[in-house]
C-alpha atoms as a PDB file:
ATOM      1  CA  GLN A   1     -70.248  41.625 -22.788  1.00  0.00           C
ATOM      2  CA  VAL A   2     -72.801  40.123 -25.134  1.00  0.00           C
ATOM      3  CA  GLN A   3     -75.956  42.068 -25.919  1.00  0.00           C
ATOM      4  CA  LEU A   4     -79.078  40.308 -27.086  1.00  0.00           C
ATOM      5  CA  VAL A   5     -82.078  42.140 -28.515  1.00  0.00           C
ATOM      6  CA  GLU A   6     -85.249  40.187 -29.228  1.00  0.00           C
ATOM      7  CA  SER A   7     -88.100  41.524 -31.339  1.00  0.00           C
ATOM      8  CA  GLY A   8     -91.164  40.464 -33.288  1.00  0.00           C
ATOM      9  CA  GLY A   9     -93.545  39.478 -30.531  1.00  0.00           C
ATOM     10  CA  GLY A  10     -97.147  40.520 -30.321  1.00  0.00           C
ATOM     11  CA  LEU A  11    -100.747  39.452 -29.919  1.00  0.00           C
ATOM     12  CA  VAL A  12    -101.972  36.748 -32.269  1.00  0.00           C
ATOM     13  CA  GLN A  13    -105.039  34.548 -32.472  1.00  0.00           C
ATOM     14  CA  LEU A  14    -105.109  30.802 -32.075  1.00  0.00           C
ATOM     15  CA  GLY A  15    -103.534  29.188 -35.123  1.00  0.00           C
ATOM     16  CA  GLY A  16    -101.666  32.315 -36.145  1.00  0.00           C
ATOM     17  CA  SER A  17     -97.993  32.843 -36.868  1.00  0.00           C
ATOM     18  CA  LEU A  18     -95.199  35.096 -35.701  1.00  0.00           C
ATOM     19  CA  ARG A  19     -91.533  35.443 -36.563  1.00  0.00           C
ATOM     20  CA  LEU A  20     -89.169  36.476 -33.811  1.00  0.00           C
ATOM     21  CA  SER A  21     -85.702  37.874 -34.355  1.00  0.00           C
ATOM     22  CA  CYS A  22     -82.713  38.111 -32.062  1.00  0.00           C
ATOM     23  CA  ALA A  23     -79.726  40.296 -32.821  1.00  0.00           C
ATOM     24  CA  ALA A  24     -76.522  39.605 -30.921  1.00  0.00           C
ATOM     25  CA  SER A  25     -73.509  41.836 -30.505  1.00  0.00           C
ATOM     26  CA  GLY A  26     -70.379  41.929 -28.419  1.00  0.00           C
ATOM     27  CA  SER A  27     -69.355  38.332 -28.910  1.00  0.00           C
ATOM     28  CA  VAL A  28     -68.427  35.890 -31.606  1.00  0.00           C
ATOM     29  CA  PHE A  29     -71.914  34.763 -32.480  1.00  0.00           C
ATOM     30  CA  SER A  30     -71.135  32.182 -35.116  1.00  0.00           C
ATOM     31  CA  ILE A  31     -69.290  29.719 -32.904  1.00  0.00           C
ATOM     32  CA  TYR A  32     -72.170  29.061 -30.532  1.00  0.00           C
ATOM     33  CA  ALA A  33     -75.286  26.989 -30.598  1.00  0.00           C
ATOM     34  CA  MET A  34     -78.080  29.522 -30.266  1.00  0.00           C
ATOM     35  CA  GLY A  35     -81.352  28.813 -28.593  1.00  0.00           C
ATOM     36  CA  TRP A  36     -84.758  30.278 -27.977  1.00  0.00           C
ATOM     37  CA  TYR A  37     -86.147  30.141 -24.479  1.00  0.00           C
ATOM     38  CA  ARG A  38     -89.520  31.161 -23.089  1.00  0.00           C
ATOM     39  CA  GLN A  39     -90.938  32.013 -19.720  1.00  0.00           C
ATOM     40  CA  ALA A  40     -94.653  31.823 -19.088  1.00  0.00           C
ATOM     41  CA  PRO A  41     -96.261  33.583 -16.093  1.00  0.00           C
ATOM     42  CA  GLY A  42     -95.481  31.712 -12.907  1.00  0.00           C
ATOM     43  CA  LYS A  43     -93.147  29.277 -14.630  1.00  0.00           C
ATOM     44  CA  GLN A  44     -89.414  28.914 -15.021  1.00  0.00           C
ATOM     45  CA  ARG A  45     -87.668  29.843 -18.219  1.00  0.00           C
ATOM     46  CA  ALA A  46     -87.404  26.840 -20.513  1.00  0.00           C
ATOM     47  CA  LEU A  47     -85.515  26.024 -23.678  1.00  0.00           C
ATOM     48  CA  VAL A  48     -87.790  25.889 -26.723  1.00  0.00           C
ATOM     49  CA  GLY A  49     -85.141  24.784 -29.178  1.00  0.00           C
ATOM     50  CA  TYR A  50     -81.715  25.539 -30.537  1.00  0.00           C
ATOM     51  CA  ILE A  51     -79.605  25.513 -33.673  1.00  0.00           C
ATOM     52  CA  THR A  52     -76.016  24.323 -33.795  1.00  0.00           C
ATOM     53  CA  PHE A  53     -73.214  26.577 -34.952  1.00  0.00           C
ATOM     54  CA  SER A  54     -71.709  24.456 -37.681  1.00  0.00           C
ATOM     55  CA  SER A  55     -74.234  22.229 -39.399  1.00  0.00           C
ATOM     56  CA  GLY A  56     -77.286  24.271 -38.504  1.00  0.00           C
ATOM     57  CA  TYR A  57     -78.871  21.210 -36.974  1.00  0.00           C
ATOM     58  CA  THR A  58     -81.973  22.015 -34.940  1.00  0.00           C
ATOM     59  CA  ILE A  59     -83.483  20.470 -31.835  1.00  0.00           C
ATOM     60  CA  TYR A  60     -86.917  21.321 -30.464  1.00  0.00           C
ATOM     61  CA  ALA A  61     -88.922  20.697 -27.349  1.00  0.00           C
ATOM     62  CA  ASP A  62     -91.733  18.225 -27.917  1.00  0.00           C
ATOM     63  CA  SER A  63     -94.303  20.917 -27.228  1.00  0.00           C
ATOM     64  CA  VAL A  64     -93.271  22.943 -30.291  1.00  0.00           C
ATOM     65  CA  LYS A  65     -91.934  20.290 -32.631  1.00  0.00           C
ATOM     66  CA  GLY A  66     -93.454  20.581 -36.086  1.00  0.00           C
ATOM     67  CA  ARG A  67     -94.750  24.100 -35.401  1.00  0.00           C
ATOM     68  CA  PHE A  68     -91.615  26.148 -34.655  1.00  0.00           C
ATOM     69  CA  THR A  69     -88.530  26.564 -36.826  1.00  0.00           C
ATOM     70  CA  ILE A  70     -85.221  28.109 -35.789  1.00  0.00           C
ATOM     71  CA  SER A  71     -82.803  29.538 -38.314  1.00  0.00           C
ATOM     72  CA  ARG A  72     -79.737  31.748 -38.166  1.00  0.00           C
ATOM     73  CA  ASP A  73     -77.853  34.259 -40.273  1.00  0.00           C
ATOM     74  CA  ASP A  74     -74.315  34.406 -38.940  1.00  0.00           C
ATOM     75  CA  ALA A  75     -73.390  37.272 -41.252  1.00  0.00           C
ATOM     76  CA  LYS A  76     -76.016  39.353 -39.457  1.00  0.00           C
ATOM     77  CA  ASN A  77     -75.448  37.857 -36.005  1.00  0.00           C
ATOM     78  CA  THR A  78     -79.150  37.101 -35.946  1.00  0.00           C
ATOM     79  CA  VAL A  79     -81.218  34.085 -35.045  1.00  0.00           C
ATOM     80  CA  TYR A  80     -84.892  33.654 -35.914  1.00  0.00           C
ATOM     81  CA  LEU A  81     -87.849  31.753 -34.543  1.00  0.00           C
ATOM     82  CA  GLN A  82     -90.707  31.092 -36.932  1.00  0.00           C
ATOM     83  CA  MET A  83     -93.793  30.102 -34.944  1.00  0.00           C
ATOM     84  CA  ASN A  84     -96.798  28.618 -36.716  1.00  0.00           C
ATOM     85  CA  SER A  85    -100.062  27.102 -35.478  1.00  0.00           C
ATOM     86  CA  LEU A  86     -99.748  29.059 -32.265  1.00  0.00           C
ATOM     87  CA  LYS A  87    -101.655  27.946 -29.200  1.00  0.00           C
ATOM     88  CA  PRO A  88    -102.611  29.803 -26.007  1.00  0.00           C
ATOM     89  CA  GLU A  89    -100.037  27.723 -24.119  1.00  0.00           C
ATOM     90  CA  ASP A  90     -97.321  29.339 -26.256  1.00  0.00           C
ATOM     91  CA  THR A  91     -98.028  32.629 -24.476  1.00  0.00           C
ATOM     92  CA  ALA A  92     -94.784  33.700 -22.825  1.00  0.00           C
ATOM     93  CA  VAL A  93     -91.862  36.076 -22.968  1.00  0.00           C
ATOM     94  CA  TYR A  94     -89.393  34.719 -25.501  1.00  0.00           C
ATOM     95  CA  TYR A  95     -85.631  35.119 -25.160  1.00  0.00           C
ATOM     96  CA  CYS A  96     -82.645  34.064 -27.176  1.00  0.00           C
ATOM     97  CA  ASN A  97     -79.294  33.036 -25.762  1.00  0.00           C
ATOM     98  CA  LYS A  98     -76.594  30.571 -26.489  1.00  0.00           C
ATOM     99  CA  VAL A  99     -76.816  26.992 -25.243  1.00  0.00           C
ATOM    100  CA  PRO A 100     -75.834  26.827 -22.437  1.00  0.00           C
ATOM    101  CA  PRO A 101     -76.774  30.455 -21.815  1.00  0.00           C
ATOM    102  CA  TRP A 102     -74.590  33.440 -21.051  1.00  0.00           C
ATOM    103  CA  SER A 103     -75.376  35.029 -17.716  1.00  0.00           C
ATOM    104  CA  SER A 104     -76.641  38.130 -19.501  1.00  0.00           C
ATOM    105  CA  TRP A 105     -80.131  38.067 -21.045  1.00  0.00           C
ATOM    106  CA  GLY A 106     -81.982  40.456 -23.310  1.00  0.00           C
ATOM    107  CA  GLN A 107     -85.298  42.034 -22.459  1.00  0.00           C
ATOM    108  CA  GLY A 108     -87.249  39.374 -24.294  1.00  0.00           C
ATOM    109  CA  THR A 109     -90.286  39.808 -26.494  1.00  0.00           C
ATOM    110  CA  GLN A 110     -93.846  39.091 -25.380  1.00  0.00           C
ATOM    111  CA  VAL A 111     -95.939  36.631 -27.343  1.00  0.00           C
ATOM    112  CA  THR A 112     -99.610  36.403 -26.466  1.00  0.00           C
ATOM    113  CA  VAL A 113    -101.906  33.911 -28.157  1.00  0.00           C
ATOM    114  CA  SER A 114    -105.615  34.456 -27.688  1.00  0.00           C
ATOM    115  CA  SER A 115    -108.238  31.794 -28.054  1.00  0.00           C
END
């Protein structure tokens, strides 16, 4: 059973930055594409972007392209999300999971961007 633990969220002002981390255990982390997802109040969870397992190639949603960067450290079973130029519409609970996702999710980490 995989366990995912997200951290690094918080309250930040418009234009600020945050770096989220996700530690995975209980599965072979390095063979999966790993993604970051977010769920805003009243909305469905959506994929923000992901990083492939071999080449480290990254894909992002249009809404975050150029502002967010995903990276991974397979030796630490950890994936990161660097978020810059944050906007109020980035306010959400952020989760990591593989792409496509396991059925089990972590608790997520809250990101709130104030204007």
